[in-house]
Amino acid sequence: MPPSRHRYDLLRKRLDAFTRMLPDIEKGDVHAVHRTRVASRRLRELLPILQIEADSARKLGRRLRRITDGLGSVRELDVLTMLLDELHESGRHGSSGLSRIATTVVRERNAARKRLRTKMPVAELWRVADKLDGAAQELQTDIESAKREKAWRWAIEARVASRAERLSAAMRDAGAVYLAERLHAVRIALKKLRYAVELGVEAAGEKRNPHLNTMKQMQEILGHLHDRQVLIDRVRQIQAGSTADLRIERELEGIVDGLEDECRRLHGRYVRDRASIAAVCVRFGGASQAGSARRMAARRIAS
C-alpha cells in the first residue's frame, strides 16, 4: 500500500502552486491569473479539513474567496479575448463584427485589471500566502495522534460525499434541457467535487484515479459551453446598444447564431456523457453504509 500524505503535505503543495505564479500576476500574465485562481480554489477546498484554529480558518477562507472572485472577473474577460481570437482565426465571421465585440471586451478587461490592482494588489496575495505558510509550519511540527489522523481523513471523506450529493442534485435540476444557469451550477459543483476527490487521492498516497479524468473531461465540456454563453450575452448587450451600421448588425447576429450552434453541440455531449458523471456521484456519494457513521461524525469538521 502506498504511503499516505499528511495535512502539511497537502497544504504545502497547494500553497506552492499559489505562490509560484504571483510574480507574473503583476505583469498581467493570462496563465498566471488562471493558475493562481485555480490554486486559490484548491486551497479553499482544503482549508476546512486542516483542523487549524476555527477563527483563523474562517478569516483565511474569506480572504481566499475574495481572491478567487477578484481574479475571476479578469479571467472571464481573458477567456473571452482568447475565444474572439479563435473566431477570428476560423474565418467564419465578419471581421467588423468581431472587432466591435473585441473593442468592448478589451476595454472591460483593462478596467477589470485596473480594479484588481487597486482593490487587491499582489502584496495582499503575498500576505495571505504568508498566513497560510504559518499554518503549514504549525502543521509540520504537529505530531498527529492516531485519533486526529483518522478525524481529518474522515473529514475529507465527508467532504467528498457532500460534494457528490450536491453535484447529483445540480444534475437533476439541470435535466436534459439547455438552461445556461443550471448547467453553470453543474459545472461549479463538478469542479468542487473534483478538487475534493483530489484531496482524498493525495491523502491516501495514490498516484492517480480514473474518476478524476472523467470529471476533468466533463468540466472542459461545460467550461467551453459556459464561455460561449457568456460571449453570447456580451454580444446581445452590444446589440441592445445598436449601431447604425446594418452590416455590423448582421455580422453580430451571425456570430450569435454560430455560438448558439456550438452551445447546442456541447450540450448534446453533456447529455450523452452525463451518465458517467452520475456514476462518479454514486461512487463517491456515500452509498456504502459502512462509512456513513464516520462521515456523519466528520461532517462537523468538513462543513
Protein backbone atom coordinates (compact mmCIF):
# COMPACT_ATOMS: atom_id res chain seq x y z
CA MET A 1 0.00 0.00 0.00
CA PRO A 2 1.45 3.45 -0.91
CA PRO A 3 2.38 5.80 1.95
CA SER A 4 -0.34 8.27 2.92
CA ARG A 5 0.11 12.04 2.88
CA HIS A 6 -0.26 14.34 5.87
CA ARG A 7 -2.09 17.65 6.18
CA TYR A 8 1.18 19.57 5.85
CA ASP A 9 1.97 17.89 2.52
CA LEU A 10 -1.46 18.73 1.09
CA LEU A 11 -1.25 22.36 2.18
CA ARG A 12 2.36 22.86 1.08
CA LYS A 13 1.70 21.54 -2.43
CA ARG A 14 -1.28 23.87 -2.94
CA LEU A 15 0.43 26.84 -1.33
CA ASP A 16 3.50 26.41 -3.56
CA ALA A 17 1.23 26.36 -6.63
CA PHE A 18 -0.41 29.58 -5.39
CA THR A 19 2.82 31.50 -4.73
CA ARG A 20 4.66 30.26 -7.83
CA MET A 21 2.53 32.42 -10.12
CA LEU A 22 2.36 35.61 -8.03
CA PRO A 23 5.40 37.33 -9.61
CA ASP A 24 3.72 37.04 -13.02
CA ILE A 25 0.37 38.39 -11.82
CA GLU A 26 1.77 41.94 -11.75
CA LYS A 27 2.88 41.52 -15.36
CA GLY A 28 -0.70 40.73 -16.38
CA ASP A 29 0.20 37.20 -17.46
CA VAL A 30 -3.01 35.43 -18.54
CA HIS A 31 -1.84 31.98 -17.46
CA ALA A 32 -0.68 33.28 -14.08
CA VAL A 33 -4.13 34.74 -13.38
CA HIS A 34 -5.77 31.44 -14.27
CA ARG A 35 -3.39 29.22 -12.32
CA THR A 36 -3.43 31.44 -9.24
CA ARG A 37 -7.22 31.40 -9.25
CA VAL A 38 -7.30 27.59 -9.55
CA ALA A 39 -4.77 27.35 -6.72
CA SER A 40 -6.94 29.60 -4.54
CA ARG A 41 -9.92 27.29 -5.17
CA ARG A 42 -7.89 24.24 -4.20
CA LEU A 43 -6.74 25.97 -1.02
CA ARG A 44 -10.34 26.81 -0.15
CA GLU A 45 -11.32 23.18 -0.60
CA LEU A 46 -8.53 22.05 1.74
CA LEU A 47 -8.85 24.71 4.44
CA PRO A 48 -11.91 23.31 6.30
CA ILE A 49 -10.31 19.93 6.91
CA LEU A 50 -6.91 21.16 8.14
CA GLN A 51 -8.16 21.38 11.74
CA ILE A 52 -6.43 24.70 12.36
CA GLU A 53 -7.91 27.28 14.73
CA ALA A 54 -11.51 27.94 13.65
CA ASP A 55 -11.40 31.75 13.60
CA SER A 56 -8.17 31.76 11.58
CA ALA A 57 -9.65 29.25 9.13
CA ARG A 58 -12.75 31.41 8.61
CA LYS A 59 -10.71 34.57 8.02
CA LEU A 60 -8.39 32.82 5.60
CA GLY A 61 -11.38 31.31 3.81
CA ARG A 62 -12.96 34.74 3.33
CA ARG A 63 -9.71 36.22 2.03
CA LEU A 64 -9.20 33.34 -0.38
CA ARG A 65 -12.77 33.73 -1.65
CA ARG A 66 -12.13 37.42 -2.36
CA ILE A 67 -9.00 36.44 -4.27
CA THR A 68 -10.90 33.84 -6.29
CA ASP A 69 -13.67 36.31 -7.12
CA GLY A 70 -11.29 39.16 -7.92
CA LEU A 71 -9.18 37.06 -10.27
CA GLY A 72 -12.35 35.55 -11.73
CA SER A 73 -13.59 38.82 -13.20
CA VAL A 74 -10.28 39.24 -15.04
CA ARG A 75 -10.06 35.58 -16.03
CA GLU A 76 -13.50 35.62 -17.64
CA LEU A 77 -12.55 38.55 -19.85
CA ASP A 78 -9.20 36.92 -20.70
CA VAL A 79 -11.10 33.83 -21.86
CA LEU A 80 -13.48 35.93 -23.97
CA THR A 81 -10.49 37.60 -25.61
CA MET A 82 -8.96 34.23 -26.47
CA LEU A 83 -12.30 32.95 -27.77
CA LEU A 84 -12.63 36.00 -30.03
CA ASP A 85 -9.14 35.32 -31.37
CA GLU A 86 -10.23 31.76 -32.20
CA LEU A 87 -13.33 33.03 -34.01
CA HIS A 88 -11.22 35.50 -35.99
CA GLU A 89 -8.72 32.79 -36.98
CA SER A 90 -11.54 30.48 -38.10
CA GLY A 91 -12.54 32.95 -40.81
CA ARG A 92 -16.20 32.07 -40.39
CA HIS A 93 -17.32 35.52 -39.25
CA GLY A 94 -17.04 39.08 -40.46
CA SER A 95 -14.07 40.98 -39.09
CA SER A 96 -16.06 44.17 -38.47
CA GLY A 97 -18.47 42.44 -36.08
CA LEU A 98 -15.65 40.68 -34.26
CA SER A 99 -13.71 43.94 -33.95
CA ARG A 100 -16.78 45.61 -32.48
CA ILE A 101 -17.04 42.91 -29.80
CA ALA A 102 -13.28 42.84 -29.17
CA THR A 103 -13.19 46.59 -28.58
CA THR A 104 -15.81 46.25 -25.85
CA VAL A 105 -14.20 43.20 -24.24
CA VAL A 106 -10.69 44.69 -24.22
CA ARG A 107 -12.00 47.89 -22.64
CA GLU A 108 -13.77 45.87 -19.94
CA ARG A 109 -10.70 43.71 -19.37
CA ASN A 110 -8.43 46.73 -18.93
CA ALA A 111 -10.89 48.19 -16.43
CA ALA A 112 -11.09 44.87 -14.55
CA ARG A 113 -7.30 44.62 -14.34
CA LYS A 114 -7.12 48.18 -13.01
CA ARG A 115 -9.73 47.38 -10.35
CA LEU A 116 -7.81 44.26 -9.39
CA ARG A 117 -4.56 46.18 -8.94
CA THR A 118 -6.35 48.80 -6.84
CA LYS A 119 -8.54 46.60 -4.64
CA MET A 120 -6.31 43.53 -4.49
CA PRO A 121 -2.65 44.36 -5.03
CA VAL A 122 -0.21 41.48 -5.28
CA ALA A 123 1.05 42.43 -1.82
CA GLU A 124 -2.32 41.29 -0.43
CA LEU A 125 -1.94 37.91 -2.13
CA TRP A 126 1.51 37.56 -0.57
CA ARG A 127 0.08 38.41 2.87
CA VAL A 128 -2.47 35.62 2.54
CA ALA A 129 0.31 33.30 1.39
CA ASP A 130 2.35 34.22 4.49
CA LYS A 131 -0.61 33.39 6.75
CA LEU A 132 -1.01 30.03 5.05
CA ASP A 133 2.73 29.42 5.34
CA GLY A 134 2.45 29.99 9.10
CA ALA A 135 -0.36 27.44 9.26
CA ALA A 136 1.76 24.99 7.26
CA GLN A 137 4.66 25.37 9.67
CA GLU A 138 2.38 24.66 12.62
CA LEU A 139 1.10 21.53 10.89
CA GLN A 140 4.65 20.40 10.17
CA THR A 141 5.54 20.45 13.85
CA ASP A 142 2.24 18.92 14.97
CA ILE A 143 2.62 15.27 15.92
CA GLU A 144 -0.69 13.74 14.89
CA SER A 145 -2.25 11.21 17.17
CA ALA A 146 -4.00 8.22 15.63
CA LYS A 147 -7.34 9.77 16.61
CA ARG A 148 -6.54 13.12 14.98
CA GLU A 149 -5.19 11.34 11.89
CA LYS A 150 -8.47 9.47 11.45
CA ALA A 151 -10.54 12.58 12.08
CA TRP A 152 -9.08 14.68 9.26
CA ARG A 153 -9.16 11.77 6.82
CA TRP A 154 -12.81 11.18 7.69
CA ALA A 155 -13.37 14.89 7.14
CA ILE A 156 -12.08 14.52 3.58
CA GLU A 157 -14.38 11.53 3.07
CA ALA A 158 -17.34 13.52 4.36
CA ARG A 159 -16.48 16.46 2.11
CA VAL A 160 -16.24 14.24 -0.95
CA ALA A 161 -19.61 12.65 -0.15
CA SER A 162 -21.21 16.07 0.37
CA ARG A 163 -19.81 17.37 -2.92
CA ALA A 164 -21.05 14.28 -4.76
CA GLU A 165 -24.54 14.71 -3.35
CA ARG A 166 -24.62 18.37 -4.38
CA LEU A 167 -23.47 17.52 -7.89
CA SER A 168 -26.20 14.89 -8.18
CA ALA A 169 -28.79 17.46 -7.11
CA ALA A 170 -27.46 20.04 -9.59
CA MET A 171 -27.64 17.50 -12.43
CA ARG A 172 -31.21 16.60 -11.52
CA ASP A 173 -32.15 20.30 -11.54
CA ALA A 174 -30.48 20.81 -14.93
CA GLY A 175 -32.30 17.89 -16.56
CA ALA A 176 -31.81 17.41 -20.29
CA VAL A 177 -32.98 20.86 -21.41
CA TYR A 178 -30.47 23.59 -22.22
CA LEU A 179 -30.70 26.01 -19.29
CA ALA A 180 -27.48 28.01 -19.01
CA GLU A 181 -27.68 28.92 -15.32
CA ARG A 182 -28.45 25.38 -14.20
CA LEU A 183 -25.66 23.95 -16.34
CA HIS A 184 -23.30 26.50 -14.81
CA ALA A 185 -24.36 25.22 -11.38
CA VAL A 186 -23.50 21.69 -12.54
CA ARG A 187 -20.09 22.93 -13.70
CA ILE A 188 -19.32 24.56 -10.34
CA ALA A 189 -20.49 21.51 -8.37
CA LEU A 190 -18.40 19.25 -10.60
CA LYS A 191 -15.32 21.40 -10.09
CA LYS A 192 -15.74 21.28 -6.31
CA LEU A 193 -16.16 17.51 -6.32
CA ARG A 194 -13.04 17.11 -8.45
CA TYR A 195 -10.94 19.18 -6.04
CA ALA A 196 -12.30 17.23 -3.06
CA VAL A 197 -11.57 13.89 -4.73
CA GLU A 198 -8.03 15.11 -5.49
CA LEU A 199 -7.59 15.64 -1.75
CA GLY A 200 -8.77 12.13 -0.99
CA VAL A 201 -6.50 10.60 -3.60
CA GLU A 202 -3.45 12.50 -2.35
CA ALA A 203 -4.24 11.86 1.32
CA ALA A 204 -4.33 8.14 0.58
CA GLY A 205 -0.99 8.35 -1.23
CA GLU A 206 -2.48 7.17 -4.52
CA LYS A 207 -0.85 8.10 -7.81
CA ARG A 208 -3.98 8.54 -9.89
CA ASN A 209 -7.71 7.94 -10.00
CA PRO A 210 -9.62 7.28 -13.26
CA HIS A 211 -12.65 9.18 -11.98
CA LEU A 212 -10.61 12.39 -12.00
CA ASN A 213 -10.10 12.09 -15.76
CA THR A 214 -13.85 11.59 -16.26
CA MET A 215 -14.61 14.70 -14.23
CA LYS A 216 -11.93 16.76 -15.97
CA GLN A 217 -13.29 15.89 -19.42
CA MET A 218 -16.82 16.87 -18.46
CA GLN A 219 -15.58 20.03 -16.76
CA GLU A 220 -13.91 21.05 -20.03
CA ILE A 221 -17.14 20.48 -22.00
CA LEU A 222 -19.16 22.56 -19.55
CA GLY A 223 -16.40 25.19 -19.43
CA HIS A 224 -16.43 25.64 -23.22
CA LEU A 225 -20.22 25.86 -23.13
CA HIS A 226 -20.15 28.47 -20.37
CA ASP A 227 -17.55 30.59 -22.18
CA ARG A 228 -19.66 30.68 -25.34
CA GLN A 229 -22.80 31.52 -23.42
CA VAL A 230 -21.02 34.41 -21.70
CA LEU A 231 -19.86 35.72 -25.08
CA ILE A 232 -23.41 35.43 -26.45
CA ASP A 233 -24.65 37.54 -23.55
CA ARG A 234 -21.94 40.14 -24.25
CA VAL A 235 -22.91 40.33 -27.92
CA ARG A 236 -26.59 40.71 -27.02
CA GLN A 237 -25.65 43.66 -24.81
CA ILE A 238 -23.80 45.26 -27.71
CA GLN A 239 -26.77 44.65 -30.00
CA ALA A 240 -29.08 46.27 -27.46
CA GLY A 241 -26.95 49.43 -27.79
CA SER A 242 -27.39 49.08 -31.56
CA THR A 243 -25.13 50.64 -34.14
CA ALA A 244 -26.41 52.35 -37.27
CA ASP A 245 -24.31 50.02 -39.42
CA LEU A 246 -26.58 47.25 -40.73
CA ARG A 247 -23.62 45.24 -41.98
CA ILE A 248 -22.15 45.05 -38.48
CA GLU A 249 -25.58 44.18 -37.08
CA ARG A 250 -25.85 41.24 -39.49
CA GLU A 251 -22.35 40.09 -38.62
CA LEU A 252 -23.13 40.23 -34.90
CA GLU A 253 -26.25 38.15 -35.45
CA GLY A 254 -24.22 35.64 -37.44
CA ILE A 255 -21.71 35.38 -34.60
CA VAL A 256 -24.52 34.70 -32.10
CA ASP A 257 -26.01 32.05 -34.39
CA GLY A 258 -22.64 30.32 -34.68
CA LEU A 259 -22.05 30.40 -30.92
CA GLU A 260 -25.53 29.05 -30.23
CA ASP A 261 -24.86 26.14 -32.60
CA GLU A 262 -21.67 25.37 -30.66
CA CYS A 263 -23.59 25.53 -27.38
CA ARG A 264 -26.14 23.05 -28.67
CA ARG A 265 -23.38 20.64 -29.74
CA LEU A 266 -21.62 20.93 -26.40
CA HIS A 267 -24.88 20.46 -24.55
CA GLY A 268 -25.52 17.35 -26.60
CA ARG A 269 -22.16 15.97 -25.47
CA TYR A 270 -23.07 16.75 -21.86
CA VAL A 271 -26.39 14.93 -22.14
CA ARG A 272 -24.70 11.97 -23.85
CA ASP A 273 -21.92 11.67 -21.25
CA ARG A 274 -23.70 12.72 -18.05
CA ALA A 275 -24.31 9.07 -17.09
CA SER A 276 -20.57 8.74 -16.48
CA ILE A 277 -20.70 11.65 -14.04
CA ALA A 278 -23.79 10.22 -12.36
CA ALA A 279 -21.79 7.02 -11.82
CA VAL A 280 -18.98 9.05 -10.23
CA CYS A 281 -21.52 10.63 -7.87
CA VAL A 282 -22.76 7.19 -6.85
CA ARG A 283 -19.18 6.06 -6.31
CA PHE A 284 -18.35 8.96 -4.01
CA GLY A 285 -21.78 9.84 -2.67
CA GLY A 286 -21.74 7.52 0.31
CA ALA A 287 -23.81 4.57 -0.88
CA SER A 288 -21.86 2.33 1.49
CA GLN A 289 -23.47 2.10 4.93
CA ALA A 290 -20.13 1.11 6.41
CA GLY A 291 -18.73 4.62 6.04
CA SER A 292 -21.89 6.58 6.84
CA ALA A 293 -21.40 6.78 10.60
CA ARG A 294 -17.91 8.22 10.41
CA ARG A 295 -18.93 10.59 7.62
CA MET A 296 -21.67 11.96 9.84
CA ALA A 297 -19.16 12.37 12.68
CA ALA A 298 -16.75 14.17 10.38
CA ARG A 299 -19.26 16.48 8.69
CA ARG A 300 -18.94 18.92 11.59
CA ILE A 301 -15.27 19.28 10.70
CA ALA A 302 -15.80 19.41 6.92
CA SER A 303 -18.73 21.84 6.77
